Amino acid sequence: QLMVLPLYPYLQRYLGGGHQRDVTSVLCYAVQACHAALPPEELFGLLKVIATNFITERCSGETMAVGINAVRSICARVPSIMSVTTSNAEIDSKSRTAGDASTSSSTIDMEAFARDLVGYIKHRDRSVCIAARGWLNFVREVH
């Protein structure tokens, strides 16, 4: 298990930079680069980028389904990411000492994130519904 920590910020920049070529392949590589020994804090930014660029109402149904499935695969490979809890006091202390830019990429409310993804079960596109059901079943198995 290779730990190349600078890879994940690079993937964030690549995926967040608009429409790139072979994005599904890059998401597949991102999923394959994740493993259980990886610290969950390294992946929070990547999950946020996937959520903002692939799992929004402005995206097509296929894109949303790919994003939800990528998030599910990342969380399946790094199970500790689902159990990370950050209290509001920790977030406040980090934002006071390091500034808001660094905390936005290193913290994420996984419970609210999971609820948001489950909310796509009633989406109008069938592929998004199936991906959201897969996410719900994954969350049920893990927790």
C-alpha atoms as a PDB file:
ATOM      1  CA  GLN A   1       0.000   0.000   0.000  1.00  0.00           C
ATOM      2  CA  LEU A   2       1.660   3.101  -1.292  1.00  0.00           C
ATOM      3  CA  MET A   3       1.020   6.455   0.407  1.00  0.00           C
ATOM      4  CA  VAL A   4       1.559   9.347  -1.973  1.00  0.00           C
ATOM      5  CA  LEU A   5      -0.106  12.139  -0.050  1.00  0.00           C
ATOM      6  CA  PRO A   6       0.530  14.920  -2.622  1.00  0.00           C
ATOM      7  CA  LEU A   7      -1.549  12.944  -5.126  1.00  0.00           C
ATOM      8  CA  TYR A   8      -4.871  13.805  -3.499  1.00  0.00           C
ATOM      9  CA  PRO A   9      -4.549  17.627  -3.695  1.00  0.00           C
ATOM     10  CA  TYR A  10      -3.452  17.182  -7.317  1.00  0.00           C
ATOM     11  CA  LEU A  11      -6.587  15.138  -8.034  1.00  0.00           C
ATOM     12  CA  GLN A  12      -8.668  17.837  -6.337  1.00  0.00           C
ATOM     13  CA  ARG A  13      -7.218  20.511  -8.594  1.00  0.00           C
ATOM     14  CA  TYR A  14      -7.660  18.361 -11.695  1.00  0.00           C
ATOM     15  CA  LEU A  15     -11.258  17.413 -10.944  1.00  0.00           C
ATOM     16  CA  GLY A  16     -12.197  20.893  -9.758  1.00  0.00           C
ATOM     17  CA  GLY A  17     -10.803  22.681 -12.778  1.00  0.00           C
ATOM     18  CA  GLY A  18     -13.889  22.437 -14.956  1.00  0.00           C
ATOM     19  CA  HIS A  19     -14.539  19.895 -17.646  1.00  0.00           C
ATOM     20  CA  GLN A  20     -11.461  17.760 -18.161  1.00  0.00           C
ATOM     21  CA  ARG A  21     -10.804  14.809 -20.404  1.00  0.00           C
ATOM     22  CA  ASP A  22     -11.361  11.266 -19.142  1.00  0.00           C
ATOM     23  CA  VAL A  23     -12.850  12.343 -15.816  1.00  0.00           C
ATOM     24  CA  THR A  24     -14.355   8.919 -15.174  1.00  0.00           C
ATOM     25  CA  SER A  25     -10.921   7.343 -15.567  1.00  0.00           C
ATOM     26  CA  VAL A  26      -9.427   9.883 -13.156  1.00  0.00           C
ATOM     27  CA  LEU A  27     -12.188   9.108 -10.639  1.00  0.00           C
ATOM     28  CA  CYS A  28     -11.412   5.421 -11.050  1.00  0.00           C
ATOM     29  CA  TYR A  29      -7.720   6.094 -10.405  1.00  0.00           C
ATOM     30  CA  ALA A  30      -8.635   8.181  -7.355  1.00  0.00           C
ATOM     31  CA  VAL A  31     -10.685   5.309  -5.967  1.00  0.00           C
ATOM     32  CA  GLN A  32      -7.885   2.826  -6.635  1.00  0.00           C
ATOM     33  CA  ALA A  33      -5.381   5.098  -4.889  1.00  0.00           C
ATOM     34  CA  CYS A  34      -7.365   4.935  -1.636  1.00  0.00           C
ATOM     35  CA  HIS A  35      -6.696   2.304   1.018  1.00  0.00           C
ATOM     36  CA  ALA A  36      -7.362   1.724   4.704  1.00  0.00           C
ATOM     37  CA  ALA A  37      -3.975   3.038   5.882  1.00  0.00           C
ATOM     38  CA  LEU A  38      -4.643   6.471   4.392  1.00  0.00           C
ATOM     39  CA  PRO A  39      -5.566   9.209   6.896  1.00  0.00           C
ATOM     40  CA  PRO A  40      -9.189  10.282   6.335  1.00  0.00           C
ATOM     41  CA  GLU A  41      -8.269  13.970   6.533  1.00  0.00           C
ATOM     42  CA  GLU A  42      -6.466  13.625   3.200  1.00  0.00           C
ATOM     43  CA  LEU A  43      -9.679  12.574   1.478  1.00  0.00           C
ATOM     44  CA  PHE A  44     -12.109  15.177   2.807  1.00  0.00           C
ATOM     45  CA  GLY A  45     -11.079  17.696   0.164  1.00  0.00           C
ATOM     46  CA  LEU A  46     -11.401  15.109  -2.591  1.00  0.00           C
ATOM     47  CA  LEU A  47     -14.895  14.173  -1.402  1.00  0.00           C
ATOM     48  CA  LYS A  48     -15.889  17.842  -1.374  1.00  0.00           C
ATOM     49  CA  VAL A  49     -14.616  18.361  -4.906  1.00  0.00           C
ATOM     50  CA  ILE A  50     -16.494  15.303  -6.143  1.00  0.00           C
ATOM     51  CA  ALA A  51     -19.651  16.499  -4.399  1.00  0.00           C
ATOM     52  CA  THR A  52     -19.492  20.036  -5.771  1.00  0.00           C
ATOM     53  CA  ASN A  53     -18.530  19.093  -9.323  1.00  0.00           C
ATOM     54  CA  PHE A  54     -20.385  15.826  -9.864  1.00  0.00           C
ATOM     55  CA  ILE A  55     -23.252  15.534  -7.368  1.00  0.00           C
ATOM     56  CA  THR A  56     -25.349  18.646  -7.973  1.00  0.00           C
ATOM     57  CA  GLU A  57     -28.659  19.302  -9.687  1.00  0.00           C
ATOM     58  CA  ARG A  58     -26.925  21.158 -12.527  1.00  0.00           C
ATOM     59  CA  CYS A  59     -25.123  17.969 -13.581  1.00  0.00           C
ATOM     60  CA  SER A  60     -26.571  15.296 -15.829  1.00  0.00           C
ATOM     61  CA  GLY A  61     -27.961  12.115 -14.330  1.00  0.00           C
ATOM     62  CA  GLU A  62     -25.008  10.046 -15.536  1.00  0.00           C
ATOM     63  CA  THR A  63     -22.544  12.450 -13.969  1.00  0.00           C
ATOM     64  CA  MET A  64     -24.394  12.420 -10.660  1.00  0.00           C
ATOM     65  CA  ALA A  65     -24.501   8.619 -10.623  1.00  0.00           C
ATOM     66  CA  VAL A  66     -20.770   8.417 -11.342  1.00  0.00           C
ATOM     67  CA  GLY A  67     -20.072  10.896  -8.535  1.00  0.00           C
ATOM     68  CA  ILE A  68     -22.214   9.049  -5.979  1.00  0.00           C
ATOM     69  CA  ASN A  69     -20.642   5.724  -6.931  1.00  0.00           C
ATOM     70  CA  ALA A  70     -17.144   7.221  -6.687  1.00  0.00           C
ATOM     71  CA  VAL A  71     -17.872   8.560  -3.191  1.00  0.00           C
ATOM     72  CA  ARG A  72     -19.271   5.191  -2.158  1.00  0.00           C
ATOM     73  CA  SER A  73     -16.189   3.381  -3.478  1.00  0.00           C
ATOM     74  CA  ILE A  74     -13.811   5.771  -1.710  1.00  0.00           C
ATOM     75  CA  CYS A  75     -15.694   5.365   1.563  1.00  0.00           C
ATOM     76  CA  ALA A  76     -15.688   1.583   1.110  1.00  0.00           C
ATOM     77  CA  ARG A  77     -11.908   1.531   0.652  1.00  0.00           C
ATOM     78  CA  VAL A  78     -11.291   3.901   3.603  1.00  0.00           C
ATOM     79  CA  PRO A  79     -13.905   2.866   6.199  1.00  0.00           C
ATOM     80  CA  SER A  80     -12.423   5.172   8.839  1.00  0.00           C
ATOM     81  CA  ILE A  81     -13.646   8.176   6.879  1.00  0.00           C
ATOM     82  CA  MET A  82     -17.244   7.391   7.864  1.00  0.00           C
ATOM     83  CA  SER A  83     -16.463   7.227  11.570  1.00  0.00           C
ATOM     84  CA  VAL A  84     -14.570  10.532  11.807  1.00  0.00           C
ATOM     85  CA  THR A  85     -16.418  12.997  13.978  1.00  0.00           C
ATOM     86  CA  THR A  86     -15.278  16.557  14.339  1.00  0.00           C
ATOM     87  CA  SER A  87     -16.942  18.647  16.993  1.00  0.00           C
ATOM     88  CA  ASN A  88     -17.841  22.293  16.448  1.00  0.00           C
ATOM     89  CA  ALA A  89     -15.284  23.340  19.078  1.00  0.00           C
ATOM     90  CA  GLU A  90     -12.496  21.648  17.102  1.00  0.00           C
ATOM     91  CA  ILE A  91     -13.641  23.336  13.893  1.00  0.00           C
ATOM     92  CA  ASP A  92     -13.785  26.748  15.613  1.00  0.00           C
ATOM     93  CA  SER A  93     -10.337  26.359  17.132  1.00  0.00           C
ATOM     94  CA  LYS A  94      -8.870  25.268  13.791  1.00  0.00           C
ATOM     95  CA  SER A  95     -10.472  28.174  11.945  1.00  0.00           C
ATOM     96  CA  ARG A  96      -9.135  30.676  14.482  1.00  0.00           C
ATOM     97  CA  THR A  97      -5.599  29.338  14.325  1.00  0.00           C
ATOM     98  CA  ALA A  98      -5.217  28.350  10.678  1.00  0.00           C
ATOM     99  CA  GLY A  99      -7.803  30.387   8.786  1.00  0.00           C
ATOM    100  CA  ASP A 100     -10.936  29.255   6.982  1.00  0.00           C
ATOM    101  CA  ALA A 101      -9.194  28.125   3.797  1.00  0.00           C
ATOM    102  CA  SER A 102      -7.332  25.274   5.456  1.00  0.00           C
ATOM    103  CA  THR A 103     -10.299  24.016   7.462  1.00  0.00           C
ATOM    104  CA  SER A 104     -12.638  23.929   4.491  1.00  0.00           C
ATOM    105  CA  SER A 105     -10.522  21.233   2.850  1.00  0.00           C
ATOM    106  CA  SER A 106      -9.773  19.241   5.995  1.00  0.00           C
ATOM    107  CA  THR A 107     -13.170  18.928   7.653  1.00  0.00           C
ATOM    108  CA  ILE A 108     -16.506  17.679   6.445  1.00  0.00           C
ATOM    109  CA  ASP A 109     -19.714  16.777   8.242  1.00  0.00           C
ATOM    110  CA  MET A 110     -19.996  13.166   7.080  1.00  0.00           C
ATOM    111  CA  GLU A 111     -23.406  12.634   8.668  1.00  0.00           C
ATOM    112  CA  ALA A 112     -24.943  15.545   6.761  1.00  0.00           C
ATOM    113  CA  PHE A 113     -23.049  14.511   3.624  1.00  0.00           C
ATOM    114  CA  ALA A 114     -24.464  10.987   3.885  1.00  0.00           C
ATOM    115  CA  ARG A 115     -27.976  12.358   4.397  1.00  0.00           C
ATOM    116  CA  ASP A 116     -27.630  14.586   1.342  1.00  0.00           C
ATOM    117  CA  LEU A 117     -26.613  11.640  -0.819  1.00  0.00           C
ATOM    118  CA  VAL A 118     -29.484   9.523   0.498  1.00  0.00           C
ATOM    119  CA  GLY A 119     -31.841  12.354  -0.485  1.00  0.00           C
ATOM    120  CA  TYR A 120     -31.180  11.565  -4.146  1.00  0.00           C
ATOM    121  CA  ILE A 121     -33.179   8.335  -3.843  1.00  0.00           C
ATOM    122  CA  LYS A 122     -36.232  10.231  -5.094  1.00  0.00           C
ATOM    123  CA  HIS A 123     -34.407  11.883  -8.002  1.00  0.00           C
ATOM    124  CA  ARG A 124     -36.074  11.938 -11.409  1.00  0.00           C
ATOM    125  CA  ASP A 125     -33.208  10.097 -13.105  1.00  0.00           C
ATOM    126  CA  ARG A 126     -33.210   6.346 -12.576  1.00  0.00           C
ATOM    127  CA  SER A 127     -29.417   5.949 -12.563  1.00  0.00           C
ATOM    128  CA  VAL A 128     -29.140   8.533  -9.775  1.00  0.00           C
ATOM    129  CA  CYS A 129     -31.811   6.676  -7.778  1.00  0.00           C
ATOM    130  CA  ILE A 130     -29.939   3.399  -8.147  1.00  0.00           C
ATOM    131  CA  ALA A 131     -26.633   5.001  -7.125  1.00  0.00           C
ATOM    132  CA  ALA A 132     -28.283   6.630  -4.098  1.00  0.00           C
ATOM    133  CA  ARG A 133     -29.795   3.292  -3.080  1.00  0.00           C
ATOM    134  CA  GLY A 134     -26.367   1.728  -3.352  1.00  0.00           C
ATOM    135  CA  TRP A 135     -25.029   4.485  -1.081  1.00  0.00           C
ATOM    136  CA  LEU A 136     -27.857   3.875   1.428  1.00  0.00           C
ATOM    137  CA  ASN A 137     -27.180   0.144   1.474  1.00  0.00           C
ATOM    138  CA  PHE A 138     -23.465   0.813   1.942  1.00  0.00           C
ATOM    139  CA  VAL A 139     -24.143   3.121   4.896  1.00  0.00           C
ATOM    140  CA  ARG A 140     -26.456   0.522   6.429  1.00  0.00           C
ATOM    141  CA  GLU A 141     -23.780  -2.162   6.120  1.00  0.00           C
ATOM    142  CA  VAL A 142     -20.980  -0.010   7.538  1.00  0.00           C
ATOM    143  CA  HIS A 143     -22.884   1.586  10.423  1.00  0.00           C
END
